[in-house]
PDB file of N, CA and C in Angstrom:
ATOM      1  N   MET A   1     111.995 138.346 147.112  1.00  0.00           N
ATOM      2  CA  MET A   1     112.347 137.295 148.005  1.00  0.00           C
ATOM      3  C   MET A   1     111.327 136.159 147.986  1.00  0.00           C
ATOM      4  N   LYS A   2     110.035 136.521 147.918  1.00  0.00           N
ATOM      5  CA  LYS A   2     108.998 135.564 147.887  1.00  0.00           C
ATOM      6  C   LYS A   2     109.046 134.708 146.583  1.00  0.00           C
ATOM      7  N   LYS A   3     109.469 135.336 145.488  1.00  0.00           N
ATOM      8  CA  LYS A   3     109.568 134.593 144.256  1.00  0.00           C
ATOM      9  C   LYS A   3     110.644 133.552 144.345  1.00  0.00           C
ATOM     10  N   LYS A   4     111.801 133.884 144.967  1.00  0.00           N
ATOM     11  CA  LYS A   4     112.865 132.905 145.104  1.00  0.00           C
ATOM     12  C   LYS A   4     112.427 131.781 146.007  1.00  0.00           C
ATOM     13  N   LEU A   5     111.784 132.096 147.123  1.00  0.00           N
ATOM     14  CA  LEU A   5     111.313 131.054 148.056  1.00  0.00           C
ATOM     15  C   LEU A   5     110.313 130.137 147.395  1.00  0.00           C
ATOM     16  N   PHE A   6     109.399 130.696 146.582  1.00  0.00           N
ATOM     17  CA  PHE A   6     108.424 129.941 145.890  1.00  0.00           C
ATOM     18  C   PHE A   6     109.098 129.079 144.871  1.00  0.00           C
ATOM     19  N   ALA A   7     110.075 129.567 144.138  1.00  0.00           N
ATOM     20  CA  ALA A   7     110.765 128.769 143.096  1.00  0.00           C
ATOM     21  C   ALA A   7     111.540 127.656 143.781  1.00  0.00           C
ATOM     22  N   PHE A   8     112.162 127.902 144.908  1.00  0.00           N
ATOM     23  CA  PHE A   8     112.915 126.857 145.682  1.00  0.00           C
ATOM     24  C   PHE A   8     111.980 125.781 146.105  1.00  0.00           C
ATOM     25  N   ALA A   9     110.800 126.189 146.719  1.00  0.00           N
ATOM     26  CA  ALA A   9     109.888 125.226 147.199  1.00  0.00           C
ATOM     27  C   ALA A   9     109.266 124.395 146.015  1.00  0.00           C
ATOM     28  N   PHE A  10     109.065 125.002 144.925  1.00  0.00           N
ATOM     29  CA  PHE A  10     108.592 124.298 143.727  1.00  0.00           C
ATOM     30  C   PHE A  10     109.571 123.336 143.219  1.00  0.00           C
ATOM     31  N   CYS A  11     110.820 123.701 143.188  1.00  0.00           N
ATOM     32  CA  CYS A  11     111.877 122.786 142.814  1.00  0.00           C
ATOM     33  C   CYS A  11     111.974 121.565 143.727  1.00  0.00           C
ATOM     34  N   ILE A  12     111.929 121.765 144.982  1.00  0.00           N
ATOM     35  CA  ILE A  12     111.943 120.690 145.913  1.00  0.00           C
ATOM     36  C   ILE A  12     110.806 119.736 145.708  1.00  0.00           C
ATOM     37  N   ILE A  13     109.573 120.280 145.565  1.00  0.00           N
ATOM     38  CA  ILE A  13     108.404 119.487 145.323  1.00  0.00           C
ATOM     39  C   ILE A  13     108.537 118.661 144.018  1.00  0.00           C
ATOM     40  N   MET A  14     109.050 119.253 142.992  1.00  0.00           N
ATOM     41  CA  MET A  14     109.179 118.549 141.739  1.00  0.00           C
ATOM     42  C   MET A  14     110.315 117.464 141.843  1.00  0.00           C
ATOM     43  N   VAL A  15     111.326 117.717 142.527  1.00  0.00           N
ATOM     44  CA  VAL A  15     112.343 116.648 142.726  1.00  0.00           C
ATOM     45  C   VAL A  15     111.749 115.506 143.460  1.00  0.00           C
ATOM     46  N   VAL A  16     111.035 115.755 144.527  1.00  0.00           N
ATOM     47  CA  VAL A  16     110.407 114.662 145.306  1.00  0.00           C
ATOM     48  C   VAL A  16     109.383 113.944 144.456  1.00  0.00           C
ATOM     49  N   ALA A  17     108.576 114.715 143.649  1.00  0.00           N
ATOM     50  CA  ALA A  17     107.590 114.024 142.800  1.00  0.00           C
ATOM     51  C   ALA A  17     108.178 113.135 141.755  1.00  0.00           C
ATOM     52  N   ILE A  18     109.371 113.491 141.289  1.00  0.00           N
ATOM     53  CA  ILE A  18     110.019 112.648 140.268  1.00  0.00           C
ATOM     54  C   ILE A  18     110.715 111.505 140.887  1.00  0.00           C
ATOM     55  N   ALA A  19     111.375 111.743 142.015  1.00  0.00           N
ATOM     56  CA  ALA A  19     112.144 110.671 142.644  1.00  0.00           C
ATOM     57  C   ALA A  19     111.393 109.605 143.323  1.00  0.00           C
ATOM     58  N   VAL A  20     110.255 109.921 143.958  1.00  0.00           N
ATOM     59  CA  VAL A  20     109.517 108.908 144.687  1.00  0.00           C
ATOM     60  C   VAL A  20     109.038 107.745 143.861  1.00  0.00           C
ATOM     61  N   PRO A  21     108.462 107.960 142.693  1.00  0.00           N
ATOM     62  CA  PRO A  21     108.035 106.797 141.871  1.00  0.00           C
ATOM     63  C   PRO A  21     109.239 105.925 141.405  1.00  0.00           C
ATOM     64  N   ALA A  22     110.380 106.505 141.280  1.00  0.00           N
ATOM     65  CA  ALA A  22     111.540 105.755 140.809  1.00  0.00           C
ATOM     66  C   ALA A  22     112.012 104.812 141.904  1.00  0.00           C
ATOM     67  N   PHE A  23     111.950 105.274 143.109  1.00  0.00           N
ATOM     68  CA  PHE A  23     112.389 104.406 144.215  1.00  0.00           C
ATOM     69  C   PHE A  23     111.316 103.457 144.736  1.00  0.00           C
ATOM     70  N   ALA A  24     110.007 103.847 144.467  1.00  0.00           N
ATOM     71  CA  ALA A  24     108.944 103.023 144.926  1.00  0.00           C
ATOM     72  C   ALA A  24     108.644 101.897 143.964  1.00  0.00           C
ATOM     73  N   ALA A  25     109.013 101.954 142.738  1.00  0.00           N
ATOM     74  CA  ALA A  25     108.728 100.947 141.751  1.00  0.00           C
ATOM     75  C   ALA A  25     109.480  99.651 142.043  1.00  0.00           C
ATOM     76  N   GLU A  26     108.811  98.548 141.824  1.00  0.00           N
ATOM     77  CA  GLU A  26     109.455  97.263 141.977  1.00  0.00           C
ATOM     78  C   GLU A  26     110.502  97.015 140.852  1.00  0.00           C
ATOM     79  N   PRO A  27     111.549  96.335 141.182  1.00  0.00           N
ATOM     80  CA  PRO A  27     112.475  96.028 140.090  1.00  0.00           C
ATOM     81  C   PRO A  27     111.851  95.068 139.130  1.00  0.00           C
ATOM     82  N   PRO A  28     112.238  95.114 137.858  1.00  0.00           N
ATOM     83  CA  PRO A  28     111.623  94.294 136.825  1.00  0.00           C
ATOM     84  C   PRO A  28     111.883  92.780 137.140  1.00  0.00           C
ATOM     85  N   GLN A  29     110.912  92.003 136.946  1.00  0.00           N
ATOM     86  CA  GLN A  29     111.034  90.567 137.111  1.00  0.00           C
ATOM     87  C   GLN A  29     111.841  89.938 135.956  1.00  0.00           C
ATOM     88  N   ARG A  30     112.715  89.004 136.340  1.00  0.00           N
ATOM     89  CA  ARG A  30     113.452  88.289 135.317  1.00  0.00           C
ATOM     90  C   ARG A  30     112.592  87.209 134.702  1.00  0.00           C
ATOM     91  N   SER A  31     112.566  87.153 133.411  1.00  0.00           N
ATOM     92  CA  SER A  31     111.754  86.175 132.758  1.00  0.00           C
ATOM     93  C   SER A  31     112.633  84.911 132.483  1.00  0.00           C
ATOM     94  N   GLU A  32     111.974  83.797 132.664  1.00  0.00           N
ATOM     95  CA  GLU A  32     112.655  82.488 132.366  1.00  0.00           C
ATOM     96  C   GLU A  32     112.252  82.169 130.915  1.00  0.00           C
ATOM     97  N   GLY A  33     113.300  81.954 130.135  1.00  0.00           N
ATOM     98  CA  GLY A  33     113.023  81.611 128.766  1.00  0.00           C
ATOM     99  C   GLY A  33     114.169  81.977 127.865  1.00  0.00           C
ATOM    100  N   ASP A  34     113.965  81.856 126.581  1.00  0.00           N
ATOM    101  CA  ASP A  34     114.994  82.097 125.608  1.00  0.00           C
ATOM    102  C   ASP A  34     115.457  83.537 125.504  1.00  0.00           C
ATOM    103  N   THR A  35     114.622  84.440 126.050  1.00  0.00           N
ATOM    104  CA  THR A  35     114.992  85.839 125.939  1.00  0.00           C
ATOM    105  C   THR A  35     116.050  86.355 126.965  1.00  0.00           C
ATOM    106  N   THR A  36     116.268  85.512 127.965  1.00  0.00           N
ATOM    107  CA  THR A  36     117.202  85.960 129.021  1.00  0.00           C
ATOM    108  C   THR A  36     118.588  85.404 128.648  1.00  0.00           C
ATOM    109  N   VAL A  37     119.377  86.310 128.126  1.00  0.00           N
ATOM    110  CA  VAL A  37     120.831  85.905 127.730  1.00  0.00           C
ATOM    111  C   VAL A  37     121.825  86.803 128.414  1.00  0.00           C
ATOM    112  N   ILE A  38     121.425  87.551 129.404  1.00  0.00           N
ATOM    113  CA  ILE A  38     122.315  88.522 129.980  1.00  0.00           C
ATOM    114  C   ILE A  38     123.473  87.847 130.754  1.00  0.00           C
ATOM    115  N   ASP A  39     123.152  86.738 131.504  1.00  0.00           N
ATOM    116  CA  ASP A  39     124.148  86.110 132.321  1.00  0.00           C
ATOM    117  C   ASP A  39     124.844  84.947 131.684  1.00  0.00           C
ATOM    118  N   LEU A  40     124.619  84.742 130.333  1.00  0.00           N
ATOM    119  CA  LEU A  40     125.220  83.612 129.704  1.00  0.00           C
ATOM    120  C   LEU A  40     126.607  84.004 129.115  1.00  0.00           C
ATOM    121  N   THR A  41     127.491  83.025 129.037  1.00  0.00           N
ATOM    122  CA  THR A  41     128.710  83.267 128.321  1.00  0.00           C
ATOM    123  C   THR A  41     128.398  83.023 126.811  1.00  0.00           C
ATOM    124  N   TYR A  42     129.335  83.349 125.949  1.00  0.00           N
ATOM    125  CA  TYR A  42     129.086  83.134 124.562  1.00  0.00           C
ATOM    126  C   TYR A  42     128.906  81.728 124.162  1.00  0.00           C
ATOM    127  N   GLU A  43     129.663  80.829 124.832  1.00  0.00           N
ATOM    128  CA  GLU A  43     129.524  79.396 124.548  1.00  0.00           C
ATOM    129  C   GLU A  43     128.135  78.882 124.999  1.00  0.00           C
ATOM    130  N   GLU A  44     127.720  79.303 126.160  1.00  0.00           N
ATOM    131  CA  GLU A  44     126.363  78.871 126.673  1.00  0.00           C
ATOM    132  C   GLU A  44     125.298  79.429 125.799  1.00  0.00           C
ATOM    133  N   PHE A  45     125.457  80.645 125.243  1.00  0.00           N
ATOM    134  CA  PHE A  45     124.506  81.259 124.316  1.00  0.00           C
ATOM    135  C   PHE A  45     124.370  80.421 123.071  1.00  0.00           C
ATOM    136  N   ILE A  46     125.529  80.061 122.472  1.00  0.00           N
ATOM    137  CA  ILE A  46     125.484  79.221 121.202  1.00  0.00           C
ATOM    138  C   ILE A  46     124.874  77.897 121.509  1.00  0.00           C
ATOM    139  N   LYS A  47     125.179  77.254 122.635  1.00  0.00           N
ATOM    140  CA  LYS A  47     124.590  75.970 122.877  1.00  0.00           C
ATOM    141  C   LYS A  47     123.067  76.102 122.991  1.00  0.00           C
ATOM    142  N   LYS A  48     122.611  77.169 123.682  1.00  0.00           N
ATOM    143  CA  LYS A  48     121.189  77.414 123.827  1.00  0.00           C
ATOM    144  C   LYS A  48     120.505  77.670 122.512  1.00  0.00           C
ATOM    145  N   LEU A  49     121.200  78.319 121.573  1.00  0.00           N
ATOM    146  CA  LEU A  49     120.605  78.510 120.259  1.00  0.00           C
ATOM    147  C   LEU A  49     120.457  77.217 119.453  1.00  0.00           C
ATOM    148  N   GLN A  50     121.441  76.347 119.650  1.00  0.00           N
ATOM    149  CA  GLN A  50     121.415  75.074 118.891  1.00  0.00           C
ATOM    150  C   GLN A  50     120.358  74.081 119.385  1.00  0.00           C
ATOM    151  N   ASN A  51     119.936  74.256 120.569  1.00  0.00           N
ATOM    152  CA  ASN A  51     118.891  73.351 121.133  1.00  0.00           C
ATOM    153  C   ASN A  51     117.499  73.710 120.779  1.00  0.00           C
TER     154      ASN A  51
END
């Protein structure tokens, strides 16, 4: 019984240890420049390449 309780407690601690940094991290900052093409349509992307 103690082994199961220890294993359960260990699993909970590991889940918390893995999840906390993921939620605490700041979202990545969007860079302004030619590398940001996610929100562009195909036509806007082509125009940006030609400039």
